[in-house]
Amino acid sequence: MSHDERREGILRAALEVFAEKGFHGATTRALAEAAGVSEALLFRHFPSKEDLYGALQTACFAMKNKEGALEVEALEAGTASLVTLVHYLTAKMLRRPDKVDVVDQSLHRLLANSYLEDGAFARGFMKQVDAGLIAKLDECIREGRRVGDLVKTPVQSRAGAWLVEHLVAMLMLNQMPGEPVVSFGLKQAELVEQTVWFALLGLGVKAEVIKEHYRPQAFALLMS
């Protein structure tokens, strides 16, 4: 293998080990064994477990950006983009576990483990989410308020954006065991639609404005 191929192989193996054991539970020996390399070779690529963990964080965010996601920064700020982004975020994160690939499953578990440990991985990952998705949601909320598509509420725009992300993330965790911990009694598409409506209404988007811009069946076709 080339240097880059070996490095990528180590990162992929490390994702699964860290996802299963967390940062503190994963030993360098276990990481090396999972990657099929010696600890000495592991340390040639990554001088410490902390360096490997940091590189994995960067690699995971880069990987997520290559999934064919919407070009968030290119979207024009406004209510139509806000509706699109909230649906996109919800539909992507609320996929059934059997529809999520192994790498994504490992990433989700790694983030969950990070929250339960010191939060270092999740904190770094979310800083990049903040600079991309959250910044655009914030911009769209403020523009929607300016043109009168959103009612005035005490909720600050950036806080509202993060509350939407956290709502959807918790719903995703609810589904991660395979059988949902809490059953909403809804089909998958219905759960997505209900969540989008709940989130948009919570942000203050007027019901008639949501109806104007939100076509869940059409959105689902675009994402299929």
N, C-alpha and C. Protein backbone atom coordinates (compact mmCIF):
# COMPACT_ATOMS: atom_id res chain seq x y z
N MET A 1 0.83 -1.20 0.00
CA MET A 1 0.00 0.00 0.00
C MET A 1 0.87 1.25 0.00
N SER A 2 0.35 2.30 -0.63
CA SER A 2 1.04 3.58 -0.57
C SER A 2 0.84 4.18 0.82
N HIS A 3 1.58 5.23 1.09
CA HIS A 3 1.46 5.91 2.39
C HIS A 3 0.03 6.40 2.61
N ASP A 4 -0.56 7.01 1.58
CA ASP A 4 -1.91 7.56 1.71
C ASP A 4 -2.95 6.46 1.89
N GLU A 5 -2.78 5.34 1.15
CA GLU A 5 -3.72 4.22 1.28
C GLU A 5 -3.65 3.61 2.67
N ARG A 6 -2.43 3.46 3.18
CA ARG A 6 -2.27 2.91 4.53
C ARG A 6 -2.91 3.83 5.57
N ARG A 7 -2.69 5.12 5.40
CA ARG A 7 -3.25 6.10 6.34
C ARG A 7 -4.77 6.05 6.32
N GLU A 8 -5.35 5.97 5.13
CA GLU A 8 -6.81 5.90 5.02
C GLU A 8 -7.35 4.63 5.65
N GLY A 9 -6.62 3.52 5.46
CA GLY A 9 -7.03 2.26 6.07
C GLY A 9 -7.02 2.33 7.58
N ILE A 10 -6.02 2.96 8.14
CA ILE A 10 -5.94 3.13 9.60
C ILE A 10 -7.10 3.98 10.10
N LEU A 11 -7.41 5.05 9.38
CA LEU A 11 -8.51 5.93 9.80
C LEU A 11 -9.84 5.20 9.77
N ARG A 12 -10.07 4.39 8.75
CA ARG A 12 -11.34 3.66 8.66
C ARG A 12 -11.46 2.64 9.78
N ALA A 13 -10.37 1.95 10.05
CA ALA A 13 -10.39 0.98 11.15
C ALA A 13 -10.58 1.68 12.49
N ALA A 14 -9.92 2.83 12.65
CA ALA A 14 -10.02 3.58 13.90
C ALA A 14 -11.45 4.07 14.14
N LEU A 15 -12.15 4.42 13.08
CA LEU A 15 -13.53 4.88 13.22
C LEU A 15 -14.38 3.82 13.90
N GLU A 16 -14.24 2.57 13.48
CA GLU A 16 -15.03 1.49 14.06
C GLU A 16 -14.63 1.22 15.50
N VAL A 17 -13.32 1.25 15.80
CA VAL A 17 -12.85 0.97 17.16
C VAL A 17 -13.30 2.08 18.12
N PHE A 18 -13.09 3.33 17.73
CA PHE A 18 -13.49 4.44 18.58
C PHE A 18 -15.01 4.46 18.76
N ALA A 19 -15.76 4.11 17.69
CA ALA A 19 -17.22 4.09 17.78
C ALA A 19 -17.69 3.05 18.79
N GLU A 20 -16.99 1.92 18.83
CA GLU A 20 -17.38 0.84 19.73
C GLU A 20 -16.91 1.08 21.17
N LYS A 21 -15.68 1.55 21.32
CA LYS A 21 -15.07 1.62 22.64
C LYS A 21 -14.95 3.03 23.21
N GLY A 22 -15.16 4.05 22.37
CA GLY A 22 -14.92 5.42 22.82
C GLY A 22 -13.43 5.72 22.82
N PHE A 23 -13.08 6.99 23.05
CA PHE A 23 -11.66 7.37 23.02
C PHE A 23 -10.87 6.70 24.13
N HIS A 24 -11.38 6.75 25.33
CA HIS A 24 -10.64 6.23 26.47
C HIS A 24 -10.57 4.70 26.47
N GLY A 25 -11.58 4.05 25.92
CA GLY A 25 -11.59 2.59 25.91
C GLY A 25 -10.78 1.97 24.79
N ALA A 26 -10.46 2.74 23.77
CA ALA A 26 -9.70 2.23 22.62
C ALA A 26 -8.20 2.31 22.90
N THR A 27 -7.54 1.18 22.89
CA THR A 27 -6.09 1.18 23.09
C THR A 27 -5.38 1.26 21.73
N THR A 28 -4.13 1.70 21.76
CA THR A 28 -3.38 1.76 20.50
C THR A 28 -3.17 0.35 19.94
N ARG A 29 -3.09 -0.61 20.81
CA ARG A 29 -2.94 -2.00 20.35
C ARG A 29 -4.18 -2.44 19.59
N ALA A 30 -5.36 -2.15 20.15
CA ALA A 30 -6.60 -2.50 19.47
C ALA A 30 -6.75 -1.75 18.15
N LEU A 31 -6.32 -0.51 18.13
CA LEU A 31 -6.40 0.29 16.91
C LEU A 31 -5.48 -0.28 15.83
N ALA A 32 -4.29 -0.68 16.23
CA ALA A 32 -3.33 -1.25 15.28
C ALA A 32 -3.84 -2.58 14.75
N GLU A 33 -4.36 -3.43 15.63
CA GLU A 33 -4.86 -4.73 15.20
C GLU A 33 -6.02 -4.59 14.23
N ALA A 34 -6.91 -3.65 14.50
CA ALA A 34 -8.06 -3.44 13.61
C ALA A 34 -7.61 -2.99 12.23
N ALA A 35 -6.53 -2.23 12.18
CA ALA A 35 -6.01 -1.73 10.90
C ALA A 35 -5.07 -2.72 10.23
N GLY A 36 -4.71 -3.80 10.95
CA GLY A 36 -3.80 -4.80 10.38
C GLY A 36 -2.37 -4.32 10.28
N VAL A 37 -1.97 -3.46 11.24
CA VAL A 37 -0.60 -2.95 11.24
C VAL A 37 -0.01 -3.10 12.65
N SER A 38 1.28 -2.92 12.75
CA SER A 38 1.92 -2.94 14.07
C SER A 38 1.71 -1.59 14.75
N GLU A 39 1.88 -1.56 16.07
CA GLU A 39 1.77 -0.29 16.78
C GLU A 39 2.86 0.68 16.30
N ALA A 40 4.03 0.14 15.97
CA ALA A 40 5.13 0.99 15.50
C ALA A 40 4.74 1.70 14.20
N LEU A 41 4.10 0.95 13.29
CA LEU A 41 3.69 1.54 12.03
C LEU A 41 2.55 2.53 12.26
N LEU A 42 1.67 2.20 13.18
CA LEU A 42 0.59 3.12 13.52
C LEU A 42 1.15 4.47 13.96
N PHE A 43 2.19 4.40 14.81
CA PHE A 43 2.78 5.63 15.34
C PHE A 43 3.58 6.40 14.29
N ARG A 44 4.01 5.73 13.22
CA ARG A 44 4.68 6.45 12.13
C ARG A 44 3.70 7.38 11.43
N HIS A 45 2.47 6.91 11.31
CA HIS A 45 1.44 7.72 10.64
C HIS A 45 0.81 8.72 11.61
N PHE A 46 0.63 8.31 12.85
CA PHE A 46 -0.02 9.16 13.85
C PHE A 46 0.78 9.03 15.15
N PRO A 47 1.53 10.06 15.53
CA PRO A 47 2.43 9.98 16.68
C PRO A 47 1.76 9.62 18.01
N SER A 48 0.46 9.87 18.13
CA SER A 48 -0.24 9.55 19.38
C SER A 48 -1.70 9.22 19.07
N LYS A 49 -2.35 8.65 20.08
CA LYS A 49 -3.78 8.35 19.92
C LYS A 49 -4.57 9.64 19.71
N GLU A 50 -4.14 10.71 20.38
CA GLU A 50 -4.80 12.01 20.22
C GLU A 50 -4.68 12.53 18.79
N ASP A 51 -3.49 12.32 18.18
CA ASP A 51 -3.30 12.75 16.78
C ASP A 51 -4.20 11.96 15.85
N LEU A 52 -4.32 10.66 16.10
CA LEU A 52 -5.19 9.82 15.28
C LEU A 52 -6.65 10.26 15.44
N TYR A 53 -7.05 10.54 16.65
CA TYR A 53 -8.42 10.98 16.94
C TYR A 53 -8.72 12.29 16.22
N GLY A 54 -7.77 13.23 16.26
CA GLY A 54 -7.94 14.51 15.59
C GLY A 54 -8.01 14.36 14.07
N ALA A 55 -7.15 13.50 13.52
CA ALA A 55 -7.16 13.27 12.07
C ALA A 55 -8.47 12.62 11.64
N LEU A 56 -8.99 11.73 12.50
CA LEU A 56 -10.26 11.08 12.20
C LEU A 56 -11.40 12.09 12.16
N GLN A 57 -11.37 13.02 13.07
CA GLN A 57 -12.38 14.08 13.10
C GLN A 57 -12.38 14.86 11.78
N THR A 58 -11.21 15.26 11.32
CA THR A 58 -11.09 16.00 10.06
C THR A 58 -11.54 15.14 8.88
N ALA A 59 -11.14 13.87 8.88
CA ALA A 59 -11.48 12.97 7.78
C ALA A 59 -12.98 12.72 7.73
N CYS A 60 -13.61 12.59 8.88
CA CYS A 60 -15.05 12.33 8.92
C CYS A 60 -15.83 13.50 8.35
N PHE A 61 -15.43 14.72 8.69
CA PHE A 61 -16.14 15.87 8.16
C PHE A 61 -15.94 15.98 6.65
N ALA A 62 -14.73 15.70 6.19
CA ALA A 62 -14.46 15.75 4.74
C ALA A 62 -15.28 14.70 4.02
N MET A 63 -15.39 13.51 4.64
CA MET A 63 -16.16 12.42 4.05
C MET A 63 -17.63 12.82 3.94
N LYS A 64 -18.18 13.44 4.99
CA LYS A 64 -19.58 13.84 4.95
C LYS A 64 -19.84 14.87 3.86
N ASN A 65 -18.84 15.70 3.59
CA ASN A 65 -19.00 16.72 2.56
C ASN A 65 -18.99 16.15 1.15
N LYS A 66 -18.57 14.89 1.00
CA LYS A 66 -18.48 14.26 -0.32
C LYS A 66 -19.69 13.41 -0.63
N GLU A 67 -20.70 13.45 0.20
CA GLU A 67 -21.85 12.56 0.05
C GLU A 67 -22.90 13.07 -0.93
N GLY A 68 -22.60 14.13 -1.64
CA GLY A 68 -23.60 14.69 -2.53
C GLY A 68 -24.57 15.60 -1.79
N ALA A 69 -24.13 16.13 -0.64
CA ALA A 69 -24.98 17.03 0.14
C ALA A 69 -25.23 18.32 -0.62
N LEU A 70 -26.29 19.00 -0.21
CA LEU A 70 -26.59 20.30 -0.84
C LEU A 70 -25.41 21.24 -0.66
N GLU A 71 -25.18 22.07 -1.67
CA GLU A 71 -24.15 23.09 -1.54
C GLU A 71 -24.73 24.21 -0.69
N VAL A 72 -24.58 24.05 0.62
CA VAL A 72 -25.25 24.95 1.55
C VAL A 72 -24.89 26.41 1.30
N GLU A 73 -23.61 26.68 1.12
CA GLU A 73 -23.17 28.06 0.99
C GLU A 73 -23.73 28.73 -0.26
N ALA A 74 -24.09 27.92 -1.26
CA ALA A 74 -24.59 28.48 -2.51
C ALA A 74 -26.08 28.83 -2.44
N LEU A 75 -26.77 28.35 -1.42
CA LEU A 75 -28.19 28.62 -1.32
C LEU A 75 -28.44 30.09 -0.97
N GLU A 76 -29.41 30.66 -1.63
CA GLU A 76 -29.79 32.04 -1.34
C GLU A 76 -30.53 32.08 -0.02
N ALA A 77 -30.16 32.98 0.86
CA ALA A 77 -30.79 33.09 2.17
C ALA A 77 -32.26 33.47 2.00
N GLY A 78 -33.14 32.74 2.66
CA GLY A 78 -34.56 33.04 2.59
C GLY A 78 -35.38 31.88 3.10
N THR A 79 -36.67 32.04 3.12
CA THR A 79 -37.57 31.04 3.69
C THR A 79 -37.59 29.76 2.87
N ALA A 80 -37.56 29.87 1.56
CA ALA A 80 -37.57 28.67 0.72
C ALA A 80 -36.35 27.79 1.02
N SER A 81 -35.19 28.42 1.17
CA SER A 81 -33.98 27.67 1.50
C SER A 81 -34.06 27.10 2.91
N LEU A 82 -34.67 27.84 3.83
CA LEU A 82 -34.84 27.35 5.20
C LEU A 82 -35.67 26.07 5.21
N VAL A 83 -36.78 26.07 4.49
CA VAL A 83 -37.63 24.89 4.41
C VAL A 83 -36.86 23.72 3.79
N THR A 84 -36.14 24.00 2.72
CA THR A 84 -35.36 22.96 2.05
C THR A 84 -34.32 22.36 2.98
N LEU A 85 -33.59 23.21 3.68
CA LEU A 85 -32.53 22.74 4.57
C LEU A 85 -33.07 21.93 5.74
N VAL A 86 -34.17 22.37 6.33
CA VAL A 86 -34.74 21.63 7.45
C VAL A 86 -35.22 20.26 7.00
N HIS A 87 -35.86 20.20 5.83
CA HIS A 87 -36.28 18.89 5.32
C HIS A 87 -35.07 18.01 5.01
N TYR A 88 -34.09 18.59 4.35
CA TYR A 88 -32.90 17.83 3.96
C TYR A 88 -32.21 17.25 5.20
N LEU A 89 -31.99 18.08 6.20
CA LEU A 89 -31.35 17.63 7.44
C LEU A 89 -32.16 16.51 8.08
N THR A 90 -33.47 16.70 8.16
CA THR A 90 -34.32 15.71 8.81
C THR A 90 -34.35 14.39 8.05
N ALA A 91 -34.54 14.46 6.76
CA ALA A 91 -34.63 13.24 5.96
C ALA A 91 -33.32 12.46 5.96
N LYS A 92 -32.18 13.16 5.94
CA LYS A 92 -30.88 12.49 5.95
C LYS A 92 -30.61 11.82 7.29
N MET A 93 -30.95 12.48 8.39
CA MET A 93 -30.62 11.96 9.70
C MET A 93 -31.63 10.93 10.20
N LEU A 94 -32.83 10.93 9.64
CA LEU A 94 -33.85 9.98 10.10
C LEU A 94 -34.03 8.81 9.15
N ARG A 95 -32.99 8.51 8.38
CA ARG A 95 -33.05 7.28 7.58
C ARG A 95 -33.12 6.07 8.50
N ARG A 96 -33.81 5.03 8.06
CA ARG A 96 -33.85 3.80 8.83
C ARG A 96 -32.43 3.25 8.96
N PRO A 97 -32.09 2.64 10.11
CA PRO A 97 -30.72 2.13 10.32
C PRO A 97 -30.23 1.21 9.20
N ASP A 98 -31.15 0.41 8.61
CA ASP A 98 -30.73 -0.51 7.56
C ASP A 98 -30.43 0.22 6.25
N LYS A 99 -30.76 1.51 6.19
CA LYS A 99 -30.47 2.32 5.01
C LYS A 99 -29.21 3.18 5.19
N VAL A 100 -28.61 3.08 6.38
CA VAL A 100 -27.42 3.86 6.68
C VAL A 100 -26.20 2.95 6.54
N ASP A 101 -25.17 3.39 5.79
CA ASP A 101 -24.01 2.52 5.59
C ASP A 101 -23.19 2.40 6.87
N VAL A 102 -22.29 1.43 6.87
CA VAL A 102 -21.53 1.09 8.07
C VAL A 102 -20.69 2.27 8.54
N VAL A 103 -20.11 3.01 7.61
CA VAL A 103 -19.27 4.14 7.98
C VAL A 103 -20.09 5.21 8.70
N ASP A 104 -21.27 5.51 8.17
CA ASP A 104 -22.14 6.51 8.81
C ASP A 104 -22.60 6.03 10.18
N GLN A 105 -22.94 4.75 10.28
CA GLN A 105 -23.35 4.21 11.57
C GLN A 105 -22.24 4.37 12.60
N SER A 106 -21.01 4.07 12.17
CA SER A 106 -19.87 4.20 13.09
C SER A 106 -19.66 5.65 13.50
N LEU A 107 -19.81 6.57 12.54
CA LEU A 107 -19.65 7.98 12.85
C LEU A 107 -20.70 8.45 13.86
N HIS A 108 -21.94 8.02 13.66
CA HIS A 108 -22.99 8.41 14.59
C HIS A 108 -22.71 7.88 16.00
N ARG A 109 -22.22 6.65 16.08
CA ARG A 109 -21.92 6.07 17.39
C ARG A 109 -20.71 6.76 18.02
N LEU A 110 -19.76 7.12 17.18
CA LEU A 110 -18.57 7.83 17.68
C LEU A 110 -18.97 9.18 18.28
N LEU A 111 -19.85 9.90 17.59
CA LEU A 111 -20.32 11.18 18.11
C LEU A 111 -21.08 10.99 19.42
N ALA A 112 -21.93 9.95 19.47
CA ALA A 112 -22.69 9.69 20.69
C ALA A 112 -21.74 9.36 21.84
N ASN A 113 -20.73 8.54 21.58
CA ASN A 113 -19.75 8.20 22.61
C ASN A 113 -18.99 9.43 23.08
N SER A 114 -18.68 10.32 22.14
CA SER A 114 -17.94 11.53 22.49
C SER A 114 -18.74 12.40 23.45
N TYR A 115 -20.06 12.50 23.22
CA TYR A 115 -20.90 13.26 24.12
C TYR A 115 -20.88 12.66 25.53
N LEU A 116 -20.77 11.36 25.61
CA LEU A 116 -20.77 10.69 26.92
C LEU A 116 -19.41 10.74 27.59
N GLU A 117 -18.35 11.02 26.82
CA GLU A 117 -17.01 11.12 27.39
C GLU A 117 -16.69 12.61 27.65
N ASP A 118 -15.62 13.09 27.03
CA ASP A 118 -15.25 14.49 27.29
C ASP A 118 -15.77 15.46 26.24
N GLY A 119 -16.44 14.92 25.21
CA GLY A 119 -17.03 15.79 24.18
C GLY A 119 -16.05 16.34 23.17
N ALA A 120 -14.77 15.93 23.25
CA ALA A 120 -13.74 16.54 22.39
C ALA A 120 -14.02 16.32 20.91
N PHE A 121 -14.30 15.08 20.51
CA PHE A 121 -14.54 14.78 19.10
C PHE A 121 -15.79 15.51 18.62
N ALA A 122 -16.88 15.39 19.38
CA ALA A 122 -18.14 16.02 18.99
C ALA A 122 -18.00 17.53 18.92
N ARG A 123 -17.25 18.09 19.87
CA ARG A 123 -17.07 19.55 19.91
C ARG A 123 -16.36 20.04 18.63
N GLY A 124 -15.30 19.35 18.25
CA GLY A 124 -14.58 19.74 17.04
C GLY A 124 -15.41 19.54 15.79
N PHE A 125 -16.15 18.42 15.73
CA PHE A 125 -16.99 18.14 14.58
C PHE A 125 -18.09 19.19 14.44
N MET A 126 -18.71 19.53 15.57
CA MET A 126 -19.82 20.47 15.54
C MET A 126 -19.37 21.90 15.25
N LYS A 127 -18.13 22.23 15.52
CA LYS A 127 -17.63 23.55 15.14
C LYS A 127 -17.71 23.72 13.63
N GLN A 128 -17.45 22.64 12.91
CA GLN A 128 -17.51 22.72 11.45
C GLN A 128 -18.96 22.73 10.97
N VAL A 129 -19.83 22.02 11.67
CA VAL A 129 -21.26 22.08 11.35
C VAL A 129 -21.77 23.51 11.59
N ASP A 130 -21.30 24.13 12.66
CA ASP A 130 -21.69 25.49 13.00
C ASP A 130 -21.30 26.47 11.89
N ALA A 131 -20.12 26.26 11.33
CA ALA A 131 -19.62 27.17 10.29
C ALA A 131 -20.33 26.98 8.96
N GLY A 132 -20.97 25.82 8.77
CA GLY A 132 -21.64 25.55 7.51
C GLY A 132 -23.16 25.59 7.62
N LEU A 133 -23.74 24.46 8.01
CA LEU A 133 -25.19 24.33 8.07
C LEU A 133 -25.84 25.34 9.01
N ILE A 134 -25.32 25.44 10.24
CA ILE A 134 -25.95 26.32 11.22
C ILE A 134 -25.88 27.78 10.80
N ALA A 135 -24.74 28.19 10.24
CA ALA A 135 -24.61 29.57 9.77
C ALA A 135 -25.63 29.89 8.68
N LYS A 136 -25.85 28.92 7.78
CA LYS A 136 -26.83 29.16 6.71
C LYS A 136 -28.25 29.16 7.25
N LEU A 137 -28.58 28.26 8.17
CA LEU A 137 -29.91 28.28 8.78
C LEU A 137 -30.15 29.61 9.49
N ASP A 138 -29.16 30.07 10.22
CA ASP A 138 -29.24 31.35 10.93
C ASP A 138 -29.54 32.47 9.94
N GLU A 139 -28.81 32.48 8.84
CA GLU A 139 -28.99 33.52 7.82
C GLU A 139 -30.39 33.47 7.22
N CYS A 140 -30.88 32.23 6.97
CA CYS A 140 -32.21 32.07 6.38
C CYS A 140 -33.31 32.50 7.35
N ILE A 141 -33.13 32.19 8.63
CA ILE A 141 -34.12 32.59 9.64
C ILE A 141 -34.21 34.11 9.71
N ARG A 142 -33.05 34.76 9.76
CA ARG A 142 -33.04 36.21 9.86
C ARG A 142 -33.66 36.88 8.63
N GLU A 143 -33.39 36.31 7.46
CA GLU A 143 -33.97 36.87 6.23
C GLU A 143 -35.47 36.62 6.20
N GLY A 144 -35.91 35.45 6.64
CA GLY A 144 -37.34 35.16 6.70
C GLY A 144 -38.08 36.09 7.63
N ARG A 145 -37.44 36.42 8.74
CA ARG A 145 -38.04 37.38 9.66
C ARG A 145 -38.12 38.77 9.03
N ARG A 146 -37.07 39.12 8.30
CA ARG A 146 -37.03 40.46 7.71
C ARG A 146 -38.16 40.68 6.72
N VAL A 147 -38.49 39.63 5.93
CA VAL A 147 -39.53 39.79 4.91
C VAL A 147 -40.92 39.45 5.44
N GLY A 148 -41.00 39.04 6.72
CA GLY A 148 -42.30 38.80 7.32
C GLY A 148 -42.84 37.39 7.18
N ASP A 149 -42.00 36.44 6.75
CA ASP A 149 -42.45 35.04 6.64
C ASP A 149 -42.47 34.33 7.98
N LEU A 150 -41.75 34.89 8.95
CA LEU A 150 -41.69 34.31 10.29
C LEU A 150 -42.28 35.30 11.29
N VAL A 151 -43.03 34.78 12.25
CA VAL A 151 -43.55 35.64 13.30
C VAL A 151 -42.43 35.94 14.29
N LYS A 152 -42.55 37.02 15.02
CA LYS A 152 -41.54 37.38 16.00
C LYS A 152 -41.65 36.46 17.22
N THR A 153 -40.53 35.90 17.64
CA THR A 153 -40.49 35.06 18.84
C THR A 153 -39.26 35.46 19.65
N PRO A 154 -39.20 35.05 20.93
CA PRO A 154 -38.02 35.35 21.74
C PRO A 154 -36.81 34.50 21.37
N VAL A 155 -37.00 33.48 20.53
CA VAL A 155 -35.91 32.56 20.19
C VAL A 155 -34.93 33.24 19.24
N GLN A 156 -33.68 33.30 19.64
CA GLN A 156 -32.64 33.87 18.78
C GLN A 156 -32.40 32.95 17.59
N SER A 157 -32.08 33.54 16.44
CA SER A 157 -31.99 32.77 15.20
C SER A 157 -30.96 31.65 15.26
N ARG A 158 -29.77 31.93 15.79
CA ARG A 158 -28.73 30.89 15.82
C ARG A 158 -29.08 29.80 16.84
N ALA A 159 -29.65 30.20 17.96
CA ALA A 159 -30.10 29.21 18.94
C ALA A 159 -31.19 28.33 18.32
N GLY A 160 -32.09 28.94 17.58
CA GLY A 160 -33.14 28.18 16.91
C GLY A 160 -32.57 27.16 15.94
N ALA A 161 -31.54 27.57 15.19
CA ALA A 161 -30.91 26.66 14.24
C ALA A 161 -30.32 25.44 14.95
N TRP A 162 -29.63 25.68 16.06
CA TRP A 162 -29.04 24.58 16.82
C TRP A 162 -30.12 23.71 17.46
N LEU A 163 -31.22 24.31 17.91
CA LEU A 163 -32.30 23.52 18.51
C LEU A 163 -32.91 22.56 17.49
N VAL A 164 -33.03 23.01 16.25
CA VAL A 164 -33.52 22.13 15.19
C VAL A 164 -32.54 20.97 14.98
N GLU A 165 -31.25 21.29 14.90
CA GLU A 165 -30.25 20.24 14.70
C GLU A 165 -30.29 19.23 15.85
N HIS A 166 -30.39 19.71 17.08
CA HIS A 166 -30.40 18.82 18.23
C HIS A 166 -31.68 17.98 18.29
N LEU A 167 -32.80 18.55 17.91
CA LEU A 167 -34.04 17.79 17.85
C LEU A 167 -33.90 16.60 16.91
N VAL A 168 -33.41 16.87 15.71
CA VAL A 168 -33.29 15.81 14.71
C VAL A 168 -32.23 14.79 15.14
N ALA A 169 -31.15 15.26 15.75
CA ALA A 169 -30.11 14.34 16.22
C ALA A 169 -30.66 13.39 17.29
N MET A 170 -31.49 13.89 18.19
CA MET A 170 -32.07 13.04 19.22
C MET A 170 -33.02 12.02 18.60
N LEU A 171 -33.78 12.43 17.61
CA LEU A 171 -34.66 11.49 16.92
C LEU A 171 -33.85 10.40 16.21
N MET A 172 -32.69 10.80 15.67
CA MET A 172 -31.82 9.81 15.04
C MET A 172 -31.32 8.79 16.06
N LEU A 173 -30.89 9.27 17.24
CA LEU A 173 -30.43 8.37 18.29
C LEU A 173 -31.55 7.42 18.71
N ASN A 174 -32.77 7.90 18.70
CA ASN A 174 -33.92 7.06 19.06
C ASN A 174 -34.06 5.86 18.13
N GLN A 175 -33.61 6.03 16.86
CA GLN A 175 -33.74 4.97 15.87
C GLN A 175 -32.51 4.07 15.77
N MET A 176 -31.40 4.49 16.37
CA MET A 176 -30.15 3.78 16.17
C MET A 176 -30.15 2.32 16.62
N PRO A 177 -30.89 1.94 17.67
CA PRO A 177 -30.87 0.53 18.06
C PRO A 177 -31.47 -0.42 17.02
N GLY A 178 -32.13 0.12 16.00
CA GLY A 178 -32.80 -0.72 15.00
C GLY A 178 -34.28 -0.66 15.22
N GLU A 179 -34.71 -1.10 16.39
CA GLU A 179 -36.09 -0.90 16.81
C GLU A 179 -36.13 0.38 17.63
N PRO A 180 -36.91 1.37 17.21
CA PRO A 180 -36.91 2.66 17.93
C PRO A 180 -37.20 2.48 19.41
N VAL A 181 -36.51 3.26 20.22
CA VAL A 181 -36.76 3.23 21.66
C VAL A 181 -38.17 3.73 21.96
N VAL A 182 -38.55 4.82 21.31
CA VAL A 182 -39.90 5.37 21.43
C VAL A 182 -40.56 5.27 20.06
N SER A 183 -41.72 4.66 20.02
CA SER A 183 -42.45 4.55 18.75
C SER A 183 -43.42 5.71 18.62
N PHE A 184 -43.35 6.42 17.51
CA PHE A 184 -44.25 7.54 17.26
C PHE A 184 -45.52 7.08 16.56
N GLY A 185 -45.57 5.80 16.17
CA GLY A 185 -46.74 5.30 15.46
C GLY A 185 -46.89 5.90 14.08
N LEU A 186 -45.75 6.27 13.47
CA LEU A 186 -45.76 6.90 12.16
C LEU A 186 -44.88 6.14 11.19
N LYS A 187 -45.22 6.18 9.92
CA LYS A 187 -44.32 5.68 8.89
C LYS A 187 -43.13 6.63 8.79
N GLN A 188 -42.05 6.16 8.19
CA GLN A 188 -40.83 6.95 8.13
C GLN A 188 -41.06 8.32 7.48
N ALA A 189 -41.73 8.32 6.34
CA ALA A 189 -41.98 9.59 5.63
C ALA A 189 -42.85 10.52 6.48
N GLU A 190 -43.80 9.94 7.22
CA GLU A 190 -44.67 10.76 8.07
C GLU A 190 -43.87 11.37 9.22
N LEU A 191 -42.94 10.59 9.78
CA LEU A 191 -42.12 11.12 10.87
C LEU A 191 -41.27 12.29 10.39
N VAL A 192 -40.70 12.15 9.20
CA VAL A 192 -39.91 13.25 8.62
C VAL A 192 -40.78 14.49 8.45
N GLU A 193 -41.96 14.32 7.86
CA GLU A 193 -42.83 15.46 7.59
C GLU A 193 -43.29 16.12 8.90
N GLN A 194 -43.67 15.31 9.89
CA GLN A 194 -44.11 15.86 11.17
C GLN A 194 -42.98 16.64 11.86
N THR A 195 -41.77 16.09 11.76
CA THR A 195 -40.61 16.76 12.38
C THR A 195 -40.32 18.09 11.70
N VAL A 196 -40.39 18.11 10.37
CA VAL A 196 -40.14 19.35 9.63
C VAL A 196 -41.17 20.41 10.01
N TRP A 197 -42.43 20.02 10.06
CA TRP A 197 -43.47 20.99 10.44
C TRP A 197 -43.23 21.49 11.86
N PHE A 198 -42.93 20.60 12.79
CA PHE A 198 -42.70 20.97 14.18
C PHE A 198 -41.53 21.95 14.28
N ALA A 199 -40.45 21.65 13.57
CA ALA A 199 -39.25 22.50 13.63
C ALA A 199 -39.52 23.88 13.02
N LEU A 200 -40.16 23.91 11.86
CA LEU A 200 -40.42 25.19 11.20
C LEU A 200 -41.39 26.05 11.99
N LEU A 201 -42.44 25.43 12.54
CA LEU A 201 -43.38 26.19 13.37
C LEU A 201 -42.67 26.72 14.62
N GLY A 202 -41.78 25.90 15.18
CA GLY A 202 -41.02 26.33 16.35
C GLY A 202 -40.12 27.52 16.05
N LEU A 203 -39.63 27.59 14.83
CA LEU A 203 -38.79 28.72 14.43
C LEU A 203 -39.62 29.97 14.16
N GLY A 204 -40.94 29.77 14.06
CA GLY A 204 -41.81 30.92 13.82
C GLY A 204 -42.29 31.06 12.39
N VAL A 205 -41.99 30.08 11.53
CA VAL A 205 -42.44 30.18 10.14
C VAL A 205 -43.96 30.06 10.12
N LYS A 206 -44.61 30.96 9.44
CA LYS A 206 -46.07 30.96 9.37
C LYS A 206 -46.57 29.72 8.63
N ALA A 207 -47.68 29.16 9.10
CA ALA A 207 -48.21 27.93 8.53
C ALA A 207 -48.47 28.07 7.03
N GLU A 208 -49.02 29.20 6.62
CA GLU A 208 -49.32 29.39 5.20
C GLU A 208 -48.05 29.47 4.36
N VAL A 209 -46.97 29.95 4.97
CA VAL A 209 -45.69 30.03 4.27
C VAL A 209 -45.09 28.63 4.12
N ILE A 210 -45.21 27.81 5.16
CA ILE A 210 -44.73 26.43 5.07
C ILE A 210 -45.47 25.70 3.95
N LYS A 211 -46.79 25.86 3.93
CA LYS A 211 -47.59 25.19 2.89
C LYS A 211 -47.16 25.63 1.50
N GLU A 212 -46.77 26.89 1.38
CA GLU A 212 -46.35 27.42 0.07
C GLU A 212 -45.05 26.78 -0.41
N HIS A 213 -44.12 26.54 0.52
CA HIS A 213 -42.79 26.10 0.13
C HIS A 213 -42.52 24.60 0.35
N TYR A 214 -43.31 23.95 1.17
CA TYR A 214 -42.99 22.57 1.54
C TYR A 214 -43.83 21.57 0.78
N ARG A 215 -43.16 20.79 -0.07
CA ARG A 215 -43.78 19.72 -0.82
C ARG A 215 -43.00 18.43 -0.51
N PRO A 216 -43.34 17.76 0.61
CA PRO A 216 -42.53 16.62 1.07
C PRO A 216 -42.36 15.51 0.05
N GLN A 217 -43.41 15.21 -0.71
CA GLN A 217 -43.29 14.13 -1.71
C GLN A 217 -42.29 14.50 -2.79
N ALA A 218 -42.36 15.76 -3.24
CA ALA A 218 -41.42 16.22 -4.27
C ALA A 218 -39.99 16.25 -3.72
N PHE A 219 -39.83 16.69 -2.47
CA PHE A 219 -38.51 16.72 -1.85
C PHE A 219 -37.95 15.31 -1.75
N ALA A 220 -38.81 14.36 -1.39
CA ALA A 220 -38.36 12.97 -1.24
C ALA A 220 -37.87 12.41 -2.56
N LEU A 221 -38.53 12.76 -3.65
CA LEU A 221 -38.10 12.30 -4.97
C LEU A 221 -36.74 12.87 -5.34
N LEU A 222 -36.52 14.14 -5.01
CA LEU A 222 -35.24 14.79 -5.32
C LEU A 222 -34.09 14.14 -4.57
N MET A 223 -34.37 13.60 -3.39
CA MET A 223 -33.33 13.03 -2.55
C MET A 223 -33.14 11.54 -2.79
N SER A 224 -34.02 10.92 -3.56
CA SER A 224 -33.94 9.46 -3.76
C SER A 224 -32.87 9.12 -4.78
